[in-house]
Amino acid sequence: MTLKQLEAFYWAATCSSFAMAAERVHLSVSSLSKRIAELEASLGQVLFDRAGHRAALTEAGTRLLPLAGALLQQADRLQQDMGSTTGLRGPCRLGVGELTAITWLPRLVEALAAAHPALEVSVHVDVGAALAERLDKGELDVAVIAGSASRSALTSVPLAHARFAWCAGPGVAYGLRQMDADAMQSQPLVTLPQGSGVTHLIDDWLRQADARPARRLVCNHWGAIVGLLAQGSGIGLLPEGWAQALHARDVLQVLQSPVPLGSLGYALHSRRDDLRPLVSMLHELAAQHADFTVASGAF
């Protein structure tokens, strides 16, 4: 029995497929399967039931999983303490929404590179619902998502709150007295697609204001939403830092509302059974650098 065999087993057991597990450990699927077969032979136990469409853990595999995870965790710590390279090493897969990507993500990646130069960092940008699904399947190590974990396999640690403001181009704003139900009926609502945390914030405001948008103009890119608002295509929410910066340049006008907007709490989500030092380190660094008030240099 070797650590490489245990590593192959651990990821095959926790990822959505052998193909995904093989990618995590930089192996072909056949090489991954070979390592698992060697581990089964050395233990004298069948770890996966391969009869169905997807391999499932046997009773022996279920018992081995937490033990293998603990051994790999200790091996990571040993390598970090005794190795010549500073910090952790290996793949580090981050999932973030676009708001995180263009505010504090660059600072987080810079801090990761400084503290853990041997990490192979990759970033996947998507809406929260898609990130949670990828994390649940083992395709990501952690993800920054609005709200707390809603899947039983995931857990979350609060990071920071993002605040938003209603905005419109100068021409649209000139004809609006305030941001209320009447304004929502007079202009399209420019918004991110469902599945984004911001849409929940908008839905809460609509309920409190007893408002219903005449129509929605859905766009999955914050930068494009800024362009649409500036062009006079409707009204919409922007991060408060961006709204203030664009208002100061007379690109957009901030719209006041008698119904206050709530803030959106973001958290770092991870798999509940993932106790690797990598995950705890990412919790710590993300908590240090999470800041949604940063205005992108593009604005």
C-alpha atoms as a PDB file:
ATOM      1  CA  MET A   1       0.000   0.000   0.000  1.00  0.00           C
ATOM      2  CA  THR A   2       1.376   3.409  -1.017  1.00  0.00           C
ATOM      3  CA  LEU A   3       0.343   7.026  -0.579  1.00  0.00           C
ATOM      4  CA  LYS A   4      -0.147   7.327  -4.336  1.00  0.00           C
ATOM      5  CA  GLN A   5      -2.596   4.415  -4.248  1.00  0.00           C
ATOM      6  CA  LEU A   6      -4.462   5.976  -1.322  1.00  0.00           C
ATOM      7  CA  GLU A   7      -4.536   9.315  -3.145  1.00  0.00           C
ATOM      8  CA  ALA A   8      -6.024   7.666  -6.243  1.00  0.00           C
ATOM      9  CA  PHE A   9      -8.646   5.932  -4.098  1.00  0.00           C
ATOM     10  CA  TYR A  10      -9.514   9.101  -2.140  1.00  0.00           C
ATOM     11  CA  TRP A  11     -10.196  11.205  -5.214  1.00  0.00           C
ATOM     12  CA  ALA A  12     -12.048   8.413  -7.020  1.00  0.00           C
ATOM     13  CA  ALA A  13     -14.288   8.126  -3.957  1.00  0.00           C
ATOM     14  CA  THR A  14     -14.951  11.866  -3.596  1.00  0.00           C
ATOM     15  CA  CYS A  15     -15.118  13.082  -7.215  1.00  0.00           C
ATOM     16  CA  SER A  16     -18.112  12.716  -9.509  1.00  0.00           C
ATOM     17  CA  SER A  17     -16.285  10.322 -11.838  1.00  0.00           C
ATOM     18  CA  PHE A  18     -13.021   8.434 -12.304  1.00  0.00           C
ATOM     19  CA  ALA A  19     -12.226  10.834 -15.151  1.00  0.00           C
ATOM     20  CA  MET A  20     -12.428  13.822 -12.807  1.00  0.00           C
ATOM     21  CA  ALA A  21     -10.401  11.998 -10.152  1.00  0.00           C
ATOM     22  CA  ALA A  22      -7.727  11.155 -12.725  1.00  0.00           C
ATOM     23  CA  GLU A  23      -7.479  14.825 -13.663  1.00  0.00           C
ATOM     24  CA  ARG A  24      -7.017  15.785 -10.008  1.00  0.00           C
ATOM     25  CA  VAL A  25      -3.981  13.507  -9.635  1.00  0.00           C
ATOM     26  CA  HIS A  26      -2.607  14.078 -13.163  1.00  0.00           C
ATOM     27  CA  LEU A  27      -3.147  10.498 -14.345  1.00  0.00           C
ATOM     28  CA  SER A  28      -4.981   8.773 -17.154  1.00  0.00           C
ATOM     29  CA  VAL A  29      -8.163   6.958 -16.143  1.00  0.00           C
ATOM     30  CA  SER A  30      -6.490   3.607 -16.798  1.00  0.00           C
ATOM     31  CA  SER A  31      -3.532   4.511 -14.555  1.00  0.00           C
ATOM     32  CA  LEU A  32      -5.912   5.638 -11.816  1.00  0.00           C
ATOM     33  CA  SER A  33      -7.862   2.385 -12.067  1.00  0.00           C
ATOM     34  CA  LYS A  34      -4.606   0.417 -11.929  1.00  0.00           C
ATOM     35  CA  ARG A  35      -3.544   2.116  -8.698  1.00  0.00           C
ATOM     36  CA  ILE A  36      -6.929   1.415  -7.127  1.00  0.00           C
ATOM     37  CA  ALA A  37      -6.730  -2.232  -8.215  1.00  0.00           C
ATOM     38  CA  GLU A  38      -3.242  -2.487  -6.664  1.00  0.00           C
ATOM     39  CA  LEU A  39      -4.581  -1.013  -3.409  1.00  0.00           C
ATOM     40  CA  GLU A  40      -7.474  -3.489  -3.397  1.00  0.00           C
ATOM     41  CA  ALA A  41      -5.020  -6.338  -3.928  1.00  0.00           C
ATOM     42  CA  SER A  42      -2.741  -5.197  -1.112  1.00  0.00           C
ATOM     43  CA  LEU A  43      -5.675  -4.853   1.309  1.00  0.00           C
ATOM     44  CA  GLY A  44      -7.477  -7.967   0.132  1.00  0.00           C
ATOM     45  CA  GLN A  45     -10.696  -5.949  -0.097  1.00  0.00           C
ATOM     46  CA  VAL A  46     -12.903  -4.743  -2.945  1.00  0.00           C
ATOM     47  CA  LEU A  47     -13.267  -0.981  -2.481  1.00  0.00           C
ATOM     48  CA  PHE A  48     -15.615  -0.143  -5.370  1.00  0.00           C
ATOM     49  CA  ASP A  49     -18.701  -1.898  -6.687  1.00  0.00           C
ATOM     50  CA  ARG A  50     -18.258  -1.524 -10.440  1.00  0.00           C
ATOM     51  CA  ALA A  51     -21.472  -3.298 -11.462  1.00  0.00           C
ATOM     52  CA  GLY A  52     -23.573  -0.171 -11.960  1.00  0.00           C
ATOM     53  CA  HIS A  53     -23.336   2.800 -14.299  1.00  0.00           C
ATOM     54  CA  ARG A  54     -21.089   4.575 -11.792  1.00  0.00           C
ATOM     55  CA  ALA A  55     -18.645   2.881  -9.432  1.00  0.00           C
ATOM     56  CA  ALA A  56     -19.907   3.035  -5.839  1.00  0.00           C
ATOM     57  CA  LEU A  57     -18.021   2.498  -2.605  1.00  0.00           C
ATOM     58  CA  THR A  58     -18.374  -0.894  -0.966  1.00  0.00           C
ATOM     59  CA  GLU A  59     -18.620  -1.262   2.808  1.00  0.00           C
ATOM     60  CA  ALA A  60     -14.826  -1.663   2.944  1.00  0.00           C
ATOM     61  CA  GLY A  61     -14.344   1.415   0.773  1.00  0.00           C
ATOM     62  CA  THR A  62     -16.630   3.457   3.013  1.00  0.00           C
ATOM     63  CA  ARG A  63     -14.567   2.453   6.068  1.00  0.00           C
ATOM     64  CA  LEU A  64     -11.292   3.245   4.311  1.00  0.00           C
ATOM     65  CA  LEU A  65     -12.279   6.712   3.040  1.00  0.00           C
ATOM     66  CA  PRO A  66     -11.903   8.726   6.298  1.00  0.00           C
ATOM     67  CA  LEU A  67      -8.721   6.811   7.171  1.00  0.00           C
ATOM     68  CA  ALA A  68      -7.215   7.526   3.752  1.00  0.00           C
ATOM     69  CA  GLY A  69      -8.177  11.188   4.032  1.00  0.00           C
ATOM     70  CA  ALA A  70      -6.492  11.463   7.439  1.00  0.00           C
ATOM     71  CA  LEU A  71      -3.311   9.781   6.171  1.00  0.00           C
ATOM     72  CA  LEU A  72      -3.112  12.081   3.148  1.00  0.00           C
ATOM     73  CA  GLN A  73      -3.690  15.084   5.398  1.00  0.00           C
ATOM     74  CA  GLN A  74      -0.776  14.022   7.616  1.00  0.00           C
ATOM     75  CA  ALA A  75       1.399  13.430   4.550  1.00  0.00           C
ATOM     76  CA  ASP A  76       0.645  16.960   3.319  1.00  0.00           C
ATOM     77  CA  ARG A  77       1.656  18.399   6.692  1.00  0.00           C
ATOM     78  CA  LEU A  78       4.832  16.316   6.793  1.00  0.00           C
ATOM     79  CA  GLN A  79       5.810  17.447   3.308  1.00  0.00           C
ATOM     80  CA  GLN A  80       5.145  21.060   4.227  1.00  0.00           C
ATOM     81  CA  ASP A  81       7.169  20.861   7.463  1.00  0.00           C
ATOM     82  CA  MET A  82      10.112  18.885   6.102  1.00  0.00           C
ATOM     83  CA  GLY A  83      10.219  19.811   2.412  1.00  0.00           C
ATOM     84  CA  SER A  84      12.663  22.274   0.901  1.00  0.00           C
ATOM     85  CA  THR A  85       9.873  24.131  -0.940  1.00  0.00           C
ATOM     86  CA  THR A  86       7.995  26.784   1.018  1.00  0.00           C
ATOM     87  CA  GLY A  87       4.282  26.158   1.540  1.00  0.00           C
ATOM     88  CA  LEU A  88       1.841  23.735  -0.046  1.00  0.00           C
ATOM     89  CA  ARG A  89       2.177  22.259  -3.509  1.00  0.00           C
ATOM     90  CA  GLY A  90      -0.032  20.694  -6.163  1.00  0.00           C
ATOM     91  CA  PRO A  91      -3.277  21.815  -7.828  1.00  0.00           C
ATOM     92  CA  CYS A  92      -5.457  24.498  -6.243  1.00  0.00           C
ATOM     93  CA  ARG A  93      -8.823  24.956  -7.980  1.00  0.00           C
ATOM     94  CA  LEU A  94     -10.756  28.081  -7.015  1.00  0.00           C
ATOM     95  CA  GLY A  95     -14.335  28.880  -7.999  1.00  0.00           C
ATOM     96  CA  VAL A  96     -15.555  32.482  -7.858  1.00  0.00           C
ATOM     97  CA  GLY A  97     -18.324  34.665  -9.195  1.00  0.00           C
ATOM     98  CA  GLU A  98     -17.525  37.548 -11.502  1.00  0.00           C
ATOM     99  CA  LEU A  99     -17.862  40.098  -8.693  1.00  0.00           C
ATOM    100  CA  THR A 100     -15.098  38.391  -6.714  1.00  0.00           C
ATOM    101  CA  ALA A 101     -13.039  37.928  -9.879  1.00  0.00           C
ATOM    102  CA  ILE A 102     -12.858  41.645 -10.606  1.00  0.00           C
ATOM    103  CA  THR A 103     -12.550  42.920  -7.040  1.00  0.00           C
ATOM    104  CA  TRP A 104     -10.360  41.022  -4.568  1.00  0.00           C
ATOM    105  CA  LEU A 105      -9.430  37.810  -6.441  1.00  0.00           C
ATOM    106  CA  PRO A 106      -6.156  39.287  -7.814  1.00  0.00           C
ATOM    107  CA  ARG A 107      -5.051  40.074  -4.249  1.00  0.00           C
ATOM    108  CA  LEU A 108      -5.866  36.534  -3.129  1.00  0.00           C
ATOM    109  CA  VAL A 109      -3.933  34.963  -6.009  1.00  0.00           C
ATOM    110  CA  GLU A 110      -0.973  37.253  -5.307  1.00  0.00           C
ATOM    111  CA  ALA A 111      -0.991  36.187  -1.644  1.00  0.00           C
ATOM    112  CA  LEU A 112      -1.189  32.508  -2.639  1.00  0.00           C
ATOM    113  CA  ALA A 113       1.794  32.879  -4.957  1.00  0.00           C
ATOM    114  CA  ALA A 114       3.843  34.568  -2.231  1.00  0.00           C
ATOM    115  CA  ALA A 115       3.053  32.070   0.532  1.00  0.00           C
ATOM    116  CA  HIS A 116       2.773  28.899  -1.552  1.00  0.00           C
ATOM    117  CA  PRO A 117       4.834  29.281  -4.755  1.00  0.00           C
ATOM    118  CA  ALA A 118       4.550  25.586  -5.655  1.00  0.00           C
ATOM    119  CA  LEU A 119       0.742  25.658  -5.845  1.00  0.00           C
ATOM    120  CA  GLU A 120      -0.752  25.312  -9.334  1.00  0.00           C
ATOM    121  CA  VAL A 121      -3.636  27.785  -9.066  1.00  0.00           C
ATOM    122  CA  SER A 122      -6.545  27.747 -11.516  1.00  0.00           C
ATOM    123  CA  VAL A 123      -9.722  29.846 -11.356  1.00  0.00           C
ATOM    124  CA  HIS A 124     -13.192  29.009 -12.666  1.00  0.00           C
ATOM    125  CA  VAL A 125     -15.659  31.921 -12.899  1.00  0.00           C
ATOM    126  CA  ASP A 126     -19.407  31.184 -12.889  1.00  0.00           C
ATOM    127  CA  VAL A 127     -22.657  31.950 -11.073  1.00  0.00           C
ATOM    128  CA  GLY A 128     -23.101  30.588  -7.559  1.00  0.00           C
ATOM    129  CA  ALA A 129     -25.424  27.689  -8.380  1.00  0.00           C
ATOM    130  CA  ALA A 130     -23.024  26.325 -10.992  1.00  0.00           C
ATOM    131  CA  LEU A 131     -20.046  26.725  -8.650  1.00  0.00           C
ATOM    132  CA  ALA A 132     -21.828  24.797  -5.882  1.00  0.00           C
ATOM    133  CA  GLU A 133     -22.561  21.958  -8.296  1.00  0.00           C
ATOM    134  CA  ARG A 134     -18.940  21.775  -9.475  1.00  0.00           C
ATOM    135  CA  LEU A 135     -17.710  21.856  -5.881  1.00  0.00           C
ATOM    136  CA  ASP A 136     -20.122  19.080  -4.916  1.00  0.00           C
ATOM    137  CA  LYS A 137     -18.756  16.954  -7.769  1.00  0.00           C
ATOM    138  CA  GLY A 138     -15.160  17.464  -6.637  1.00  0.00           C
ATOM    139  CA  GLU A 139     -14.230  19.643  -9.602  1.00  0.00           C
ATOM    140  CA  LEU A 140     -13.225  22.558  -7.328  1.00  0.00           C
ATOM    141  CA  ASP A 141     -11.394  22.763  -4.004  1.00  0.00           C
ATOM    142  CA  VAL A 142     -13.287  25.813  -2.711  1.00  0.00           C
ATOM    143  CA  ALA A 143     -15.705  28.392  -4.085  1.00  0.00           C
ATOM    144  CA  VAL A 144     -16.704  31.918  -3.075  1.00  0.00           C
ATOM    145  CA  ILE A 145     -20.514  31.971  -3.242  1.00  0.00           C
ATOM    146  CA  ALA A 146     -23.204  34.313  -1.940  1.00  0.00           C
ATOM    147  CA  GLY A 147     -25.010  32.866   1.072  1.00  0.00           C
ATOM    148  CA  SER A 148     -24.394  29.800   3.187  1.00  0.00           C
ATOM    149  CA  ALA A 149     -24.077  26.258   1.866  1.00  0.00           C
ATOM    150  CA  SER A 150     -27.402  24.785   0.749  1.00  0.00           C
ATOM    151  CA  ARG A 151     -26.123  21.306  -0.189  1.00  0.00           C
ATOM    152  CA  SER A 152     -25.673  18.695   2.538  1.00  0.00           C
ATOM    153  CA  ALA A 153     -22.218  17.726   1.257  1.00  0.00           C
ATOM    154  CA  LEU A 154     -20.919  21.305   1.502  1.00  0.00           C
ATOM    155  CA  THR A 155     -20.026  23.625   4.356  1.00  0.00           C
ATOM    156  CA  SER A 156     -19.282  27.347   4.348  1.00  0.00           C
ATOM    157  CA  VAL A 157     -17.414  30.012   6.326  1.00  0.00           C
ATOM    158  CA  PRO A 158     -18.599  33.673   6.117  1.00  0.00           C
ATOM    159  CA  LEU A 159     -16.158  36.093   4.454  1.00  0.00           C
ATOM    160  CA  ALA A 160     -17.552  39.569   3.746  1.00  0.00           C
ATOM    161  CA  HIS A 161     -20.635  41.489   2.635  1.00  0.00           C
ATOM    162  CA  ALA A 162     -21.124  43.255  -0.686  1.00  0.00           C
ATOM    163  CA  ARG A 163     -23.327  46.347  -0.952  1.00  0.00           C
ATOM    164  CA  PHE A 164     -25.065  47.544  -4.092  1.00  0.00           C
ATOM    165  CA  ALA A 165     -26.789  50.629  -5.489  1.00  0.00           C
ATOM    166  CA  TRP A 166     -29.497  51.196  -8.092  1.00  0.00           C
ATOM    167  CA  CYS A 167     -28.073  52.919 -11.174  1.00  0.00           C
ATOM    168  CA  ALA A 168     -29.125  54.218 -14.580  1.00  0.00           C
ATOM    169  CA  GLY A 169     -27.644  56.273 -17.369  1.00  0.00           C
ATOM    170  CA  PRO A 170     -28.086  60.070 -17.080  1.00  0.00           C
ATOM    171  CA  GLY A 171     -30.859  60.147 -19.702  1.00  0.00           C
ATOM    172  CA  VAL A 172     -32.904  57.450 -17.962  1.00  0.00           C
ATOM    173  CA  ALA A 173     -32.248  58.815 -14.463  1.00  0.00           C
ATOM    174  CA  TYR A 174     -33.423  62.309 -15.483  1.00  0.00           C
ATOM    175  CA  GLY A 175     -36.961  61.025 -15.999  1.00  0.00           C
ATOM    176  CA  LEU A 176     -37.168  59.115 -12.704  1.00  0.00           C
ATOM    177  CA  ARG A 177     -38.237  60.717  -9.423  1.00  0.00           C
ATOM    178  CA  GLN A 178     -36.922  57.818  -7.313  1.00  0.00           C
ATOM    179  CA  MET A 179     -36.313  54.081  -7.490  1.00  0.00           C
ATOM    180  CA  ASP A 180     -39.736  52.617  -6.756  1.00  0.00           C
ATOM    181  CA  ALA A 181     -42.483  50.470  -8.284  1.00  0.00           C
ATOM    182  CA  ASP A 182     -43.288  53.145 -10.883  1.00  0.00           C
ATOM    183  CA  ALA A 183     -39.655  53.315 -11.998  1.00  0.00           C
ATOM    184  CA  MET A 184     -39.555  49.531 -12.303  1.00  0.00           C
ATOM    185  CA  GLN A 185     -42.575  49.662 -14.611  1.00  0.00           C
ATOM    186  CA  SER A 186     -41.112  52.398 -16.798  1.00  0.00           C
ATOM    187  CA  GLN A 187     -37.729  50.853 -17.631  1.00  0.00           C
ATOM    188  CA  PRO A 188     -36.272  47.383 -18.311  1.00  0.00           C
ATOM    189  CA  LEU A 189     -34.469  45.767 -15.378  1.00  0.00           C
ATOM    190  CA  VAL A 190     -30.904  44.961 -16.478  1.00  0.00           C
ATOM    191  CA  THR A 191     -29.834  41.997 -14.370  1.00  0.00           C
ATOM    192  CA  LEU A 192     -27.605  38.968 -14.038  1.00  0.00           C
ATOM    193  CA  PRO A 193     -29.231  35.570 -14.741  1.00  0.00           C
ATOM    194  CA  GLN A 194     -31.029  33.511 -12.107  1.00  0.00           C
ATOM    195  CA  GLY A 195     -28.535  31.539 -10.027  1.00  0.00           C
ATOM    196  CA  SER A 196     -26.544  34.656  -9.221  1.00  0.00           C
ATOM    197  CA  GLY A 197     -26.682  35.852  -5.616  1.00  0.00           C
ATOM    198  CA  VAL A 198     -27.558  39.373  -6.775  1.00  0.00           C
ATOM    199  CA  THR A 199     -30.863  38.166  -8.222  1.00  0.00           C
ATOM    200  CA  HIS A 200     -31.946  37.065  -4.721  1.00  0.00           C
ATOM    201  CA  LEU A 201     -31.177  40.573  -3.461  1.00  0.00           C
ATOM    202  CA  ILE A 202     -33.266  42.069  -6.282  1.00  0.00           C
ATOM    203  CA  ASP A 203     -36.152  39.667  -5.609  1.00  0.00           C
ATOM    204  CA  ASP A 204     -36.156  40.661  -1.922  1.00  0.00           C
ATOM    205  CA  TRP A 205     -36.280  44.347  -2.863  1.00  0.00           C
ATOM    206  CA  LEU A 206     -39.102  43.764  -5.359  1.00  0.00           C
ATOM    207  CA  ARG A 207     -41.194  42.057  -2.662  1.00  0.00           C
ATOM    208  CA  GLN A 208     -40.606  44.831  -0.139  1.00  0.00           C
ATOM    209  CA  ALA A 209     -41.321  47.571  -2.701  1.00  0.00           C
ATOM    210  CA  ASP A 210     -44.365  45.709  -4.048  1.00  0.00           C
ATOM    211  CA  ALA A 211     -42.827  46.195  -7.479  1.00  0.00           C
ATOM    212  CA  ARG A 212     -42.727  44.147 -10.636  1.00  0.00           C
ATOM    213  CA  PRO A 213     -40.378  44.867 -13.548  1.00  0.00           C
ATOM    214  CA  ALA A 214     -42.074  45.536 -16.861  1.00  0.00           C
ATOM    215  CA  ARG A 215     -39.415  43.368 -18.500  1.00  0.00           C
ATOM    216  CA  ARG A 216     -35.950  42.020 -17.784  1.00  0.00           C
ATOM    217  CA  LEU A 217     -32.821  42.374 -19.860  1.00  0.00           C
ATOM    218  CA  VAL A 218     -30.654  39.466 -18.685  1.00  0.00           C
ATOM    219  CA  CYS A 219     -26.883  39.648 -19.092  1.00  0.00           C
ATOM    220  CA  ASN A 220     -24.280  37.341 -17.526  1.00  0.00           C
ATOM    221  CA  HIS A 221     -21.384  39.840 -17.427  1.00  0.00           C
ATOM    222  CA  TRP A 222     -20.966  42.758 -15.011  1.00  0.00           C
ATOM    223  CA  GLY A 223     -18.953  44.828 -17.475  1.00  0.00           C
ATOM    224  CA  ALA A 224     -21.641  44.444 -20.118  1.00  0.00           C
ATOM    225  CA  ILE A 225     -24.304  45.475 -17.587  1.00  0.00           C
ATOM    226  CA  VAL A 226     -22.360  48.689 -16.938  1.00  0.00           C
ATOM    227  CA  GLY A 227     -22.274  49.364 -20.681  1.00  0.00           C
ATOM    228  CA  LEU A 228     -25.994  48.699 -21.090  1.00  0.00           C
ATOM    229  CA  LEU A 229     -26.896  51.000 -18.204  1.00  0.00           C
ATOM    230  CA  ALA A 230     -24.615  53.770 -19.460  1.00  0.00           C
ATOM    231  CA  GLN A 231     -26.216  53.475 -22.900  1.00  0.00           C
ATOM    232  CA  GLY A 232     -29.691  53.981 -21.421  1.00  0.00           C
ATOM    233  CA  SER A 233     -30.964  50.407 -21.768  1.00  0.00           C
ATOM    234  CA  GLY A 234     -32.639  50.351 -18.351  1.00  0.00           C
ATOM    235  CA  ILE A 235     -32.021  50.379 -14.614  1.00  0.00           C
ATOM    236  CA  GLY A 236     -30.011  47.902 -12.574  1.00  0.00           C
ATOM    237  CA  LEU A 237     -27.879  47.109  -9.550  1.00  0.00           C
ATOM    238  CA  LEU A 238     -24.132  47.676  -9.419  1.00  0.00           C
ATOM    239  CA  PRO A 239     -21.605  47.102  -6.637  1.00  0.00           C
ATOM    240  CA  GLU A 240     -21.519  50.226  -4.488  1.00  0.00           C
ATOM    241  CA  GLY A 241     -17.847  50.978  -5.177  1.00  0.00           C
ATOM    242  CA  TRP A 242     -18.389  50.865  -8.933  1.00  0.00           C
ATOM    243  CA  ALA A 243     -21.583  52.902  -8.711  1.00  0.00           C
ATOM    244  CA  GLN A 244     -19.833  55.679  -6.811  1.00  0.00           C
ATOM    245  CA  ALA A 245     -16.844  55.714  -9.168  1.00  0.00           C
ATOM    246  CA  LEU A 246     -19.051  55.860 -12.276  1.00  0.00           C
ATOM    247  CA  HIS A 247     -21.326  58.483 -10.700  1.00  0.00           C
ATOM    248  CA  ALA A 248     -18.297  60.695 -10.001  1.00  0.00           C
ATOM    249  CA  ARG A 249     -17.415  60.516 -13.706  1.00  0.00           C
ATOM    250  CA  ASP A 250     -21.022  61.281 -14.771  1.00  0.00           C
ATOM    251  CA  VAL A 251     -21.213  57.944 -16.581  1.00  0.00           C
ATOM    252  CA  LEU A 252     -24.127  56.759 -14.425  1.00  0.00           C
ATOM    253  CA  GLN A 253     -26.479  58.224 -11.851  1.00  0.00           C
ATOM    254  CA  VAL A 254     -27.153  56.558  -8.494  1.00  0.00           C
ATOM    255  CA  LEU A 255     -30.906  56.234  -7.862  1.00  0.00           C
ATOM    256  CA  GLN A 256     -32.248  56.717  -4.335  1.00  0.00           C
ATOM    257  CA  SER A 257     -34.975  54.387  -3.101  1.00  0.00           C
ATOM    258  CA  PRO A 258     -37.421  54.615  -0.179  1.00  0.00           C
ATOM    259  CA  VAL A 259     -36.989  50.836   0.183  1.00  0.00           C
ATOM    260  CA  PRO A 260     -33.460  50.044   1.399  1.00  0.00           C
ATOM    261  CA  LEU A 261     -31.346  47.435  -0.351  1.00  0.00           C
ATOM    262  CA  GLY A 262     -29.965  44.628   1.744  1.00  0.00           C
ATOM    263  CA  SER A 263     -26.351  43.557   1.578  1.00  0.00           C
ATOM    264  CA  LEU A 264     -25.190  40.252   0.152  1.00  0.00           C
ATOM    265  CA  GLY A 265     -23.107  38.010   2.394  1.00  0.00           C
ATOM    266  CA  TYR A 266     -20.446  35.900   0.695  1.00  0.00           C
ATOM    267  CA  ALA A 267     -18.861  32.757   2.122  1.00  0.00           C
ATOM    268  CA  LEU A 268     -16.090  30.348   1.233  1.00  0.00           C
ATOM    269  CA  HIS A 269     -17.696  26.988   0.439  1.00  0.00           C
ATOM    270  CA  SER A 270     -15.901  23.647   0.571  1.00  0.00           C
ATOM    271  CA  ARG A 271     -16.758  19.978   0.787  1.00  0.00           C
ATOM    272  CA  ARG A 272     -17.704  18.940   4.308  1.00  0.00           C
ATOM    273  CA  ASP A 273     -15.401  15.906   4.189  1.00  0.00           C
ATOM    274  CA  ASP A 274     -12.390  17.782   2.745  1.00  0.00           C
ATOM    275  CA  LEU A 275     -10.057  18.341   5.706  1.00  0.00           C
ATOM    276  CA  ARG A 276      -6.853  18.951   3.746  1.00  0.00           C
ATOM    277  CA  PRO A 277      -4.454  21.704   4.863  1.00  0.00           C
ATOM    278  CA  LEU A 278      -5.083  23.333   1.467  1.00  0.00           C
ATOM    279  CA  VAL A 279      -8.708  24.037   2.359  1.00  0.00           C
ATOM    280  CA  SER A 280      -7.987  25.435   5.827  1.00  0.00           C
ATOM    281  CA  MET A 281      -5.239  27.628   4.343  1.00  0.00           C
ATOM    282  CA  LEU A 282      -7.655  28.974   1.707  1.00  0.00           C
ATOM    283  CA  HIS A 283     -10.205  29.757   4.438  1.00  0.00           C
ATOM    284  CA  GLU A 284      -7.586  31.811   6.266  1.00  0.00           C
ATOM    285  CA  LEU A 285      -6.263  33.708   3.232  1.00  0.00           C
ATOM    286  CA  ALA A 286      -9.710  34.402   1.771  1.00  0.00           C
ATOM    287  CA  ALA A 287     -10.869  35.854   5.102  1.00  0.00           C
ATOM    288  CA  GLN A 288      -7.863  38.198   5.076  1.00  0.00           C
ATOM    289  CA  HIS A 289      -8.374  39.492   1.532  1.00  0.00           C
ATOM    290  CA  ALA A 290     -12.154  39.464   0.925  1.00  0.00           C
ATOM    291  CA  ASP A 291     -13.157  43.062   0.102  1.00  0.00           C
ATOM    292  CA  PHE A 292     -16.009  43.871  -2.270  1.00  0.00           C
ATOM    293  CA  THR A 293     -15.546  47.638  -1.957  1.00  0.00           C
ATOM    294  CA  VAL A 294     -12.586  47.579  -4.343  1.00  0.00           C
ATOM    295  CA  ALA A 295     -13.472  49.369  -7.587  1.00  0.00           C
ATOM    296  CA  SER A 296     -12.113  47.635 -10.665  1.00  0.00           C
ATOM    297  CA  GLY A 297      -9.447  49.573 -12.535  1.00  0.00           C
ATOM    298  CA  ALA A 298     -11.697  49.308 -15.598  1.00  0.00           C
ATOM    299  CA  PHE A 299     -14.147  51.737 -13.947  1.00  0.00           C
END
